[in-house]
Protein backbone atom coordinates (compact mmCIF):
# COMPACT_ATOMS: atom_id res chain seq x y z
CA MET A 1 -73.00 111.84 9.54
CA GLY A 2 -71.24 114.58 10.35
CA VAL A 3 -68.04 113.02 11.76
CA MET A 4 -68.13 110.39 8.35
CA LEU A 5 -68.45 113.46 6.22
CA LEU A 6 -65.57 115.86 7.96
CA SER A 7 -63.37 112.23 7.88
CA MET A 8 -63.91 112.40 4.00
CA ASP A 9 -62.87 116.08 3.96
CA ALA A 10 -59.53 115.47 5.89
CA SER A 11 -58.59 112.60 3.69
CA ALA A 12 -59.38 114.19 0.61
CA ALA A 13 -57.48 117.76 1.57
CA GLY A 14 -54.07 115.83 2.38
CA PRO A 15 -51.39 115.16 -0.45
CA THR A 16 -51.75 111.93 -1.79
CA ASN A 17 -48.14 111.48 -3.94
CA THR A 18 -47.56 108.26 -2.47
CA GLY A 19 -45.93 105.94 -4.99
CA LYS A 20 -43.96 108.88 -6.95
CA ARG A 21 -40.76 107.29 -7.98
CA PHE A 22 -39.00 110.66 -8.97
CA ARG A 23 -37.85 114.07 -7.13
CA PHE A 24 -36.72 117.41 -9.13
CA HIS A 25 -35.49 119.55 -7.03
CA GLY A 26 -33.92 123.44 -6.59
CA GLU A 27 -32.56 125.16 -3.10
CA LEU A 28 -31.04 128.27 -2.67
CA ASP A 29 -29.49 130.01 0.64
CA LEU A 30 -31.99 132.50 2.41
CA LEU A 31 -29.77 132.91 5.22
CA SER A 32 -25.74 131.97 5.46
CA LEU A 33 -22.87 132.03 7.09
CA SER A 34 -19.53 131.08 5.27
CA HIS A 35 -16.25 130.62 6.75
CA PHE A 36 -12.79 130.29 5.01
CA ASN A 37 -9.71 130.17 6.87
CA PRO A 38 -6.80 129.92 4.36
CA ASP A 39 -3.75 127.76 4.37
CA GLY A 40 -0.78 129.28 5.25
CA ASP A 41 -0.74 133.03 5.14
CA GLY A 42 -3.93 135.27 4.86
CA ASP A 43 -6.46 136.53 6.87
CA ASN A 44 -9.58 134.19 7.68
CA THR A 45 -12.78 135.52 5.85
CA ASN A 46 -16.58 135.52 6.96
CA THR A 47 -19.39 136.28 5.23
CA LEU A 48 -22.50 136.93 5.78
CA GLY A 49 -25.33 136.79 3.59
CA PHE A 50 -29.56 137.12 2.91
CA GLY A 51 -32.17 137.60 0.56
CA PHE A 52 -33.64 135.72 -2.16
CA GLY A 53 -32.10 134.11 -5.40
CA LYS A 54 -28.76 133.52 -3.28
CA THR A 55 -26.85 130.56 -4.87
CA THR A 56 -25.86 128.28 -1.83
CA GLY A 57 -22.62 128.74 -0.50
CA VAL A 58 -21.21 125.75 -1.49
CA ASP A 59 -22.36 127.02 -5.31
CA ALA A 60 -20.87 130.10 -4.20
CA ASN A 61 -17.13 128.31 -4.99
CA LEU A 62 -17.88 128.27 -8.82
CA LEU A 63 -15.83 130.68 -10.57
CA VAL A 64 -18.93 131.39 -12.30
CA PRO A 65 -21.20 131.29 -9.77
CA SER A 66 -25.19 129.78 -10.70
CA TRP A 67 -27.73 127.92 -9.39
CA SER A 68 -27.33 124.25 -9.21
CA LEU A 69 -30.43 122.05 -9.88
CA GLY A 70 -31.00 117.89 -8.64
CA PHE A 71 -32.55 114.84 -9.47
CA GLY A 72 -33.09 111.73 -7.24
CA TYR A 73 -35.19 108.39 -6.90
CA VAL A 74 -37.29 107.33 -4.40
CA PHE A 75 -37.83 103.96 -3.01
CA LEU A 76 -38.15 102.44 0.51
CA ASP A 77 -42.28 102.95 0.49
CA ASP A 78 -41.50 106.86 -0.14
CA ARG A 79 -39.22 107.42 2.59
CA ALA A 80 -35.74 107.65 1.03
CA VAL A 81 -34.29 109.40 -1.49
CA VAL A 82 -30.86 108.99 -4.02
CA GLY A 83 -30.05 111.69 -6.14
CA GLY A 84 -27.80 114.22 -6.89
CA ARG A 85 -27.05 118.04 -7.04
CA PHE A 86 -25.56 119.43 -10.18
CA VAL A 87 -24.24 121.68 -12.23
CA PHE A 88 -22.09 122.80 -15.31
CA ASP A 89 -21.16 126.62 -16.54
CA LEU A 90 -18.99 127.70 -19.25
CA ALA A 91 -18.19 131.68 -20.19
CA SER A 92 -15.68 133.03 -22.67
CA SER A 93 -14.81 136.72 -22.70
CA SER A 94 -12.03 138.57 -25.24
CA ASP A 95 -10.31 141.71 -23.69
CA ASP A 96 -9.30 143.63 -27.21
CA ASP A 97 -7.11 146.29 -26.46
CA ASP A 98 -6.25 148.90 -29.35
CA ASP A 99 -2.56 149.40 -28.47
CA ASP A 100 -1.93 145.49 -28.83
CA PHE A 101 -1.25 144.81 -25.19
CA ASP A 102 -3.31 142.53 -22.71
CA ASP A 103 -5.43 141.43 -25.62
CA TRP A 104 -6.42 138.19 -23.97
CA ARG A 105 -9.27 135.78 -24.50
CA THR A 106 -10.30 133.92 -21.10
CA THR A 107 -12.57 130.60 -20.82
CA VAL A 108 -13.99 129.57 -17.74
CA VAL A 109 -15.62 126.20 -16.99
CA SER A 110 -17.55 125.37 -13.52
CA GLY A 111 -18.80 122.45 -12.75
CA GLN A 112 -20.31 120.24 -9.50
CA LEU A 113 -21.40 116.77 -8.80
CA ILE A 114 -22.61 116.04 -5.24
CA PRO A 115 -24.30 112.82 -4.73
CA TYR A 116 -27.07 112.65 -1.66
CA PHE A 117 -29.26 110.44 0.28
CA ARG A 118 -32.20 111.82 1.98
CA TYR A 119 -34.70 110.28 4.65
CA ILE A 120 -38.12 111.02 4.68
CA PHE A 121 -40.42 110.40 7.90
CA MET A 122 -44.04 110.60 8.15
CA PRO A 123 -44.45 109.32 4.32
CA GLY A 124 -47.93 110.46 3.40
CA LYS A 125 -48.42 113.56 5.06
CA ARG A 126 -49.10 117.21 4.32
CA ALA A 127 -45.25 118.40 5.99
CA ARG A 128 -42.78 115.17 5.72
CA PRO A 129 -39.09 116.11 8.26
CA PHE A 130 -36.02 114.65 6.56
CA LEU A 131 -32.46 114.12 7.24
CA GLU A 132 -29.77 114.26 4.90
CA GLY A 133 -25.95 113.47 3.85
CA ARG A 134 -24.09 114.46 0.81
CA PHE A 135 -20.58 114.05 -0.56
CA GLY A 136 -19.28 114.74 -3.70
CA PHE A 137 -16.79 117.31 -5.61
CA GLY A 138 -16.64 120.60 -7.29
CA GLY A 139 -14.43 121.87 -9.91
CA SER A 140 -13.35 125.03 -11.66
CA ALA A 141 -10.82 126.03 -14.59
CA ILE A 142 -9.90 129.30 -15.89
CA SER A 143 -7.79 129.65 -19.16
CA SER A 144 -6.67 132.59 -20.53
CA THR A 145 -4.64 133.17 -23.67
CA ASP A 146 -3.12 135.78 -25.22
CA ASN A 147 -3.93 136.56 -29.06
CA ASP A 148 -0.61 138.15 -29.91
CA SER A 149 2.03 135.96 -28.45
CA ASP A 150 -0.04 132.46 -27.83
CA ASP A 151 1.26 133.10 -23.82
CA ARG A 152 -1.15 131.27 -22.10
CA GLY A 153 -1.77 130.74 -18.31
CA THR A 154 -4.54 128.31 -16.53
CA LEU A 155 -5.76 128.33 -12.95
CA SER A 156 -7.53 124.50 -11.47
CA ILE A 157 -9.19 124.34 -8.48
CA ILE A 158 -11.29 121.33 -7.15
CA TYR A 159 -12.82 120.45 -4.40
CA PRO A 160 -14.43 117.68 -2.21
CA VAL A 161 -17.85 118.73 -0.32
CA VAL A 162 -19.24 116.90 2.57
CA GLY A 163 -22.58 118.50 4.02
CA PHE A 164 -25.50 117.40 5.87
CA GLY A 165 -28.97 119.05 7.04
CA GLY A 166 -32.57 118.90 8.15
CA GLY A 167 -35.95 119.63 7.44
CA ALA A 168 -39.29 119.48 6.20
CA HIS A 169 -41.41 119.30 2.50
CA ILE A 170 -44.21 121.22 2.53
CA PHE A 171 -46.80 119.92 0.18
CA ILE A 172 -48.72 122.43 -1.15
CA ILE A 173 -50.39 120.14 -4.18
CA ASP A 174 -50.38 116.46 -4.93
CA ALA A 175 -47.04 116.61 -6.63
CA PHE A 176 -45.23 119.85 -5.59
CA SER A 177 -43.51 121.16 -2.15
CA ILE A 178 -41.77 123.92 -0.57
CA ASP A 179 -38.60 122.68 1.54
CA LEU A 180 -36.92 124.42 4.04
CA ALA A 181 -33.97 123.11 5.93
CA ALA A 182 -31.18 124.00 8.01
CA THR A 183 -27.72 123.22 6.41
CA PHE A 184 -24.12 122.66 6.87
CA ASP A 185 -21.07 121.84 4.30
CA TYR A 186 -17.45 121.66 4.59
CA ALA A 187 -15.33 122.03 1.09
CA ALA A 188 -12.01 121.79 0.90
CA PRO A 189 -9.90 123.53 -2.40
CA HIS A 190 -7.41 122.76 -4.09
CA SER A 191 -5.44 124.97 -6.86
CA LYS A 192 -2.83 124.95 -9.38
CA THR A 193 -1.29 126.97 -11.54
CA ARG A 194 0.05 126.43 -15.54
CA SER A 195 1.92 129.10 -17.47
CA GLU A 196 3.41 129.04 -20.91
CA VAL A 197 5.80 131.77 -22.05
CA GLY A 198 7.92 131.53 -25.09
CA ASP A 199 9.44 128.44 -24.87
CA THR A 200 8.94 128.27 -21.06
CA THR A 201 6.67 126.29 -19.03
CA THR A 202 6.18 126.23 -15.34
CA GLU A 203 3.55 124.19 -13.73
CA THR A 204 2.79 123.52 -9.83
CA ASP A 205 0.66 120.82 -8.33
CA TYR A 206 -2.12 120.65 -6.62
CA GLU A 207 -2.01 122.50 -2.92
CA LYS A 208 -4.66 122.90 -0.36
CA ASN A 209 -5.74 126.64 -0.15
CA GLY A 210 -8.21 126.19 3.20
CA ASP A 211 -10.75 125.12 4.56
CA PHE A 212 -14.60 126.24 3.62
CA ILE A 213 -17.52 126.29 6.06
CA ASN A 214 -21.35 127.21 5.00
CA VAL A 215 -24.11 126.75 7.95
CA ALA A 216 -27.23 128.36 6.38
CA ALA A 217 -31.05 128.15 6.49
CA GLN A 218 -32.35 126.80 3.00
CA VAL A 219 -35.47 127.50 0.76
CA GLY A 220 -36.15 125.16 -2.43
CA PHE A 221 -39.03 123.11 -4.13
CA SER A 222 -39.53 119.97 -5.29
CA VAL A 223 -41.19 118.36 -8.28
CA TRP A 224 -42.70 114.67 -7.42
CA PHE A 225 -43.56 112.21 -10.66
């Protein structure tokens, strides 16, 4: 009888979220090392970061850094998730100078969409290891207009992102997990400029700026439903 009771208690204590079909999630870098190697002239840049609430290294490429969220669909008997991480930001500012110089209005638009595939081992357990691969795109545009002369300038940045990682979902309750992971991401930013001064328009083609790598220890959450 004692063995039976212990068996029943262990079964009741475990998560029972098998059959859930959707995953809503967010993640942040806890410890990260970023490396940027510029094309052409310029020095390499290495950045070491630590702290709660940091954006991920890839999200930091946005001209308006922000947290991204994700949504996925669960299939293959709770062993696989296909979904995407996404973010969109719009910011605007105006610099009104009393002497009518540098009277500029600036708008910044940034976004990312990074689809992913995640394979989960040991479905139904409290701790579920996983491996993930992802590939997507991001971009930003900053546009400035002189309110006095209507002169305009635009900087556009686009970049493909490819990455992979592994970790574990630690289920706290039936439909909520804390996610721990180690990740590697690579991005190749390309930029172009366009300026309109009077009747003269100058525009460049997209050119690769360099190579960006981010290695991180991440912490996040998932809601399963």
